Amino acid sequence: MGISADSPESHRKFIEKHKLLNITLLSDTDKSVIKKYNTKHWLLPVSKRVYIIVDSTGNIIFRKDTGFSLLENQTATLISEIERNLR
């Protein structure tokens, strides 16, 4: 799932525009999640692209800050990290 400070309406339009299926985009309009996981850009009034995997106890088991870029091989990388941490 993805999360940003954009509104739910903005997320709906983005999903429709790009014909995305099976994706959940959450709205963090009060920026509480952005603050909790320290993803705010240091200069710009936006959040950075940060990939975070949190385990069932709330511990961060993977964090990769890519600035504004996509994580290379993102699906394979994230699945690999989840599987590695399940052992």
N, C-alpha and C. Protein backbone atom coordinates (compact mmCIF):
# COMPACT_ATOMS: atom_id res chain seq x y z
N MET A 1 0.84 -1.17 0.00
CA MET A 1 0.00 0.00 0.00
C MET A 1 0.88 1.22 0.00
N GLY A 2 0.33 2.28 -0.44
CA GLY A 2 1.05 3.55 -0.45
C GLY A 2 0.35 4.53 0.46
N ILE A 3 1.09 5.48 0.96
CA ILE A 3 0.50 6.51 1.82
C ILE A 3 1.15 7.84 1.51
N SER A 4 0.33 8.87 1.47
CA SER A 4 0.84 10.22 1.27
C SER A 4 -0.12 11.20 1.90
N ALA A 5 0.27 12.45 1.93
CA ALA A 5 -0.57 13.50 2.50
C ALA A 5 -1.67 13.95 1.54
N ASP A 6 -1.70 13.39 0.34
CA ASP A 6 -2.74 13.75 -0.63
C ASP A 6 -4.11 13.31 -0.13
N SER A 7 -5.12 13.97 -0.61
CA SER A 7 -6.50 13.67 -0.19
C SER A 7 -6.99 12.36 -0.79
N PRO A 8 -8.01 11.77 -0.18
CA PRO A 8 -8.61 10.55 -0.76
C PRO A 8 -9.08 10.78 -2.20
N GLU A 9 -9.64 11.94 -2.48
CA GLU A 9 -10.09 12.25 -3.83
C GLU A 9 -8.91 12.26 -4.81
N SER A 10 -7.81 12.83 -4.40
CA SER A 10 -6.60 12.85 -5.24
C SER A 10 -6.12 11.43 -5.52
N HIS A 11 -6.17 10.58 -4.51
CA HIS A 11 -5.78 9.17 -4.69
C HIS A 11 -6.70 8.47 -5.68
N ARG A 12 -8.01 8.71 -5.56
CA ARG A 12 -8.97 8.09 -6.49
C ARG A 12 -8.67 8.50 -7.93
N LYS A 13 -8.42 9.78 -8.13
CA LYS A 13 -8.12 10.28 -9.48
C LYS A 13 -6.83 9.67 -10.02
N PHE A 14 -5.82 9.54 -9.16
CA PHE A 14 -4.54 8.95 -9.56
C PHE A 14 -4.74 7.49 -9.97
N ILE A 15 -5.48 6.74 -9.19
CA ILE A 15 -5.75 5.33 -9.49
C ILE A 15 -6.51 5.20 -10.81
N GLU A 16 -7.52 6.03 -11.01
CA GLU A 16 -8.30 6.00 -12.25
C GLU A 16 -7.44 6.39 -13.45
N LYS A 17 -6.68 7.47 -13.31
CA LYS A 17 -5.85 7.97 -14.41
C LYS A 17 -4.85 6.92 -14.88
N HIS A 18 -4.24 6.23 -13.95
CA HIS A 18 -3.20 5.26 -14.29
C HIS A 18 -3.72 3.82 -14.38
N LYS A 19 -5.06 3.68 -14.24
CA LYS A 19 -5.71 2.38 -14.34
C LYS A 19 -5.02 1.33 -13.45
N LEU A 20 -4.79 1.73 -12.20
CA LEU A 20 -4.13 0.85 -11.25
C LEU A 20 -5.14 -0.10 -10.63
N LEU A 21 -4.77 -1.35 -10.55
CA LEU A 21 -5.62 -2.36 -9.93
C LEU A 21 -4.92 -2.89 -8.69
N ASN A 22 -5.70 -3.35 -7.75
CA ASN A 22 -5.15 -4.00 -6.55
C ASN A 22 -4.12 -3.15 -5.82
N ILE A 23 -4.40 -1.87 -5.67
CA ILE A 23 -3.51 -1.00 -4.91
C ILE A 23 -4.33 -0.24 -3.90
N THR A 24 -3.76 -0.08 -2.74
CA THR A 24 -4.40 0.71 -1.70
C THR A 24 -3.55 1.93 -1.44
N LEU A 25 -4.16 3.10 -1.56
CA LEU A 25 -3.47 4.34 -1.25
C LEU A 25 -4.16 4.98 -0.06
N LEU A 26 -3.41 5.23 0.98
CA LEU A 26 -3.95 5.82 2.19
C LEU A 26 -3.63 7.30 2.25
N SER A 27 -4.54 8.05 2.86
CA SER A 27 -4.38 9.49 2.99
C SER A 27 -3.91 9.84 4.40
N ASP A 28 -2.82 10.56 4.48
CA ASP A 28 -2.27 11.01 5.76
C ASP A 28 -2.37 12.53 5.81
N THR A 29 -3.60 13.02 5.73
CA THR A 29 -3.80 14.47 5.61
C THR A 29 -3.32 15.24 6.83
N ASP A 30 -3.28 14.61 8.00
CA ASP A 30 -2.77 15.31 9.18
C ASP A 30 -1.26 15.11 9.35
N LYS A 31 -0.67 14.33 8.45
CA LYS A 31 0.78 14.08 8.39
C LYS A 31 1.33 13.38 9.62
N SER A 32 0.49 12.67 10.35
CA SER A 32 0.96 11.97 11.55
C SER A 32 1.86 10.79 11.20
N VAL A 33 1.57 10.08 10.11
CA VAL A 33 2.41 8.95 9.71
C VAL A 33 3.73 9.47 9.14
N ILE A 34 3.66 10.54 8.38
CA ILE A 34 4.88 11.16 7.83
C ILE A 34 5.81 11.54 8.98
N LYS A 35 5.26 12.11 10.05
CA LYS A 35 6.08 12.49 11.20
C LYS A 35 6.61 11.25 11.92
N LYS A 36 5.73 10.27 12.15
CA LYS A 36 6.12 9.07 12.90
C LYS A 36 7.28 8.34 12.24
N TYR A 37 7.26 8.24 10.90
CA TYR A 37 8.28 7.48 10.19
C TYR A 37 9.34 8.38 9.54
N ASN A 38 9.32 9.66 9.89
CA ASN A 38 10.34 10.61 9.45
C ASN A 38 10.56 10.55 7.93
N THR A 39 9.51 10.81 7.18
CA THR A 39 9.63 10.77 5.72
C THR A 39 9.51 12.15 5.07
N LYS A 40 9.40 13.20 5.88
CA LYS A 40 9.29 14.54 5.31
C LYS A 40 10.61 14.93 4.67
N HIS A 41 10.52 15.52 3.50
CA HIS A 41 11.72 16.03 2.82
C HIS A 41 12.29 17.18 3.66
N TRP A 42 13.59 17.25 3.77
CA TRP A 42 14.23 18.25 4.64
C TRP A 42 14.05 19.68 4.14
N LEU A 43 13.77 19.84 2.83
CA LEU A 43 13.67 21.19 2.27
C LEU A 43 12.29 21.46 1.67
N LEU A 44 11.81 20.51 0.87
CA LEU A 44 10.54 20.71 0.16
C LEU A 44 9.35 20.35 1.05
N PRO A 45 8.19 20.93 0.78
CA PRO A 45 7.00 20.65 1.60
C PRO A 45 6.29 19.35 1.17
N VAL A 46 7.05 18.31 0.94
CA VAL A 46 6.50 17.02 0.51
C VAL A 46 7.20 15.90 1.27
N SER A 47 6.65 14.73 1.15
CA SER A 47 7.28 13.55 1.75
C SER A 47 8.19 12.90 0.73
N LYS A 48 9.26 12.29 1.23
CA LYS A 48 10.16 11.54 0.36
C LYS A 48 9.51 10.18 0.07
N ARG A 49 10.06 9.47 -0.89
CA ARG A 49 9.61 8.11 -1.17
C ARG A 49 10.45 7.19 -0.30
N VAL A 50 9.80 6.62 0.70
CA VAL A 50 10.48 5.74 1.64
C VAL A 50 9.71 4.43 1.69
N TYR A 51 10.42 3.34 1.50
CA TYR A 51 9.82 2.01 1.57
C TYR A 51 10.06 1.48 2.97
N ILE A 52 8.99 1.11 3.66
CA ILE A 52 9.09 0.65 5.04
C ILE A 52 8.28 -0.63 5.18
N ILE A 53 8.89 -1.62 5.81
CA ILE A 53 8.16 -2.84 6.17
C ILE A 53 8.16 -2.89 7.69
N VAL A 54 6.96 -3.01 8.26
CA VAL A 54 6.78 -3.05 9.71
C VAL A 54 6.27 -4.44 10.07
N ASP A 55 6.88 -5.06 11.09
CA ASP A 55 6.42 -6.40 11.47
C ASP A 55 5.18 -6.31 12.35
N SER A 56 4.67 -7.45 12.76
CA SER A 56 3.41 -7.50 13.50
C SER A 56 3.51 -6.87 14.89
N THR A 57 4.73 -6.64 15.37
CA THR A 57 4.89 -6.00 16.68
C THR A 57 5.17 -4.50 16.56
N GLY A 58 5.19 -4.00 15.32
CA GLY A 58 5.40 -2.57 15.09
C GLY A 58 6.85 -2.17 14.87
N ASN A 59 7.75 -3.15 14.83
CA ASN A 59 9.16 -2.86 14.58
C ASN A 59 9.42 -2.71 13.08
N ILE A 60 10.23 -1.72 12.73
CA ILE A 60 10.63 -1.54 11.34
C ILE A 60 11.69 -2.59 11.03
N ILE A 61 11.38 -3.45 10.05
CA ILE A 61 12.33 -4.50 9.68
C ILE A 61 13.04 -4.17 8.36
N PHE A 62 12.54 -3.18 7.65
CA PHE A 62 13.18 -2.75 6.41
C PHE A 62 12.82 -1.30 6.18
N ARG A 63 13.82 -0.51 5.81
CA ARG A 63 13.58 0.90 5.48
C ARG A 63 14.57 1.29 4.40
N LYS A 64 14.05 1.83 3.33
CA LYS A 64 14.89 2.29 2.22
C LYS A 64 14.36 3.63 1.75
N ASP A 65 15.15 4.66 1.93
CA ASP A 65 14.80 6.00 1.49
C ASP A 65 15.38 6.19 0.10
N THR A 66 14.52 6.37 -0.89
CA THR A 66 14.98 6.54 -2.26
C THR A 66 14.80 7.97 -2.76
N GLY A 67 14.56 8.89 -1.84
CA GLY A 67 14.34 10.28 -2.24
C GLY A 67 13.03 10.38 -3.00
N PHE A 68 13.12 10.61 -4.30
CA PHE A 68 11.92 10.65 -5.13
C PHE A 68 11.91 9.54 -6.16
N SER A 69 12.90 8.67 -6.11
CA SER A 69 13.02 7.59 -7.09
C SER A 69 12.26 6.35 -6.62
N LEU A 70 11.98 5.48 -7.58
CA LEU A 70 11.38 4.19 -7.24
C LEU A 70 12.47 3.25 -6.76
N LEU A 71 12.12 2.33 -5.91
CA LEU A 71 13.03 1.29 -5.46
C LEU A 71 13.26 0.34 -6.62
N GLU A 72 14.51 0.08 -6.94
CA GLU A 72 14.83 -0.81 -8.04
C GLU A 72 14.29 -2.20 -7.72
N ASN A 73 13.64 -2.81 -8.72
CA ASN A 73 13.03 -4.14 -8.54
C ASN A 73 12.18 -4.17 -7.28
N GLN A 74 11.32 -3.17 -7.13
CA GLN A 74 10.64 -2.97 -5.85
C GLN A 74 9.85 -4.18 -5.36
N THR A 75 9.08 -4.82 -6.21
CA THR A 75 8.29 -5.96 -5.75
C THR A 75 9.18 -7.09 -5.28
N ALA A 76 10.16 -7.46 -6.09
CA ALA A 76 11.07 -8.55 -5.72
C ALA A 76 11.87 -8.20 -4.46
N THR A 77 12.32 -6.96 -4.37
CA THR A 77 13.10 -6.53 -3.20
C THR A 77 12.27 -6.61 -1.93
N LEU A 78 11.05 -6.10 -1.99
CA LEU A 78 10.20 -6.09 -0.80
C LEU A 78 9.78 -7.50 -0.39
N ILE A 79 9.43 -8.32 -1.35
CA ILE A 79 9.06 -9.71 -1.03
C ILE A 79 10.26 -10.44 -0.42
N SER A 80 11.42 -10.23 -0.98
CA SER A 80 12.64 -10.86 -0.46
C SER A 80 12.90 -10.44 0.99
N GLU A 81 12.72 -9.16 1.29
CA GLU A 81 12.93 -8.67 2.66
C GLU A 81 11.90 -9.25 3.62
N ILE A 82 10.66 -9.36 3.17
CA ILE A 82 9.62 -9.96 4.02
C ILE A 82 9.95 -11.40 4.30
N GLU A 83 10.29 -12.14 3.27
CA GLU A 83 10.63 -13.56 3.44
C GLU A 83 11.85 -13.73 4.33
N ARG A 84 12.85 -12.91 4.15
CA ARG A 84 14.07 -13.00 4.96
C ARG A 84 13.76 -12.78 6.43
N ASN A 85 12.82 -11.89 6.72
CA ASN A 85 12.49 -11.56 8.11
C ASN A 85 11.48 -12.53 8.72
N LEU A 86 10.85 -13.36 7.90
CA LEU A 86 9.92 -14.36 8.43
C LEU A 86 10.64 -15.58 8.99
N ARG A 87 11.88 -15.76 8.63
CA ARG A 87 12.65 -16.93 9.07
C ARG A 87 12.99 -16.86 10.51
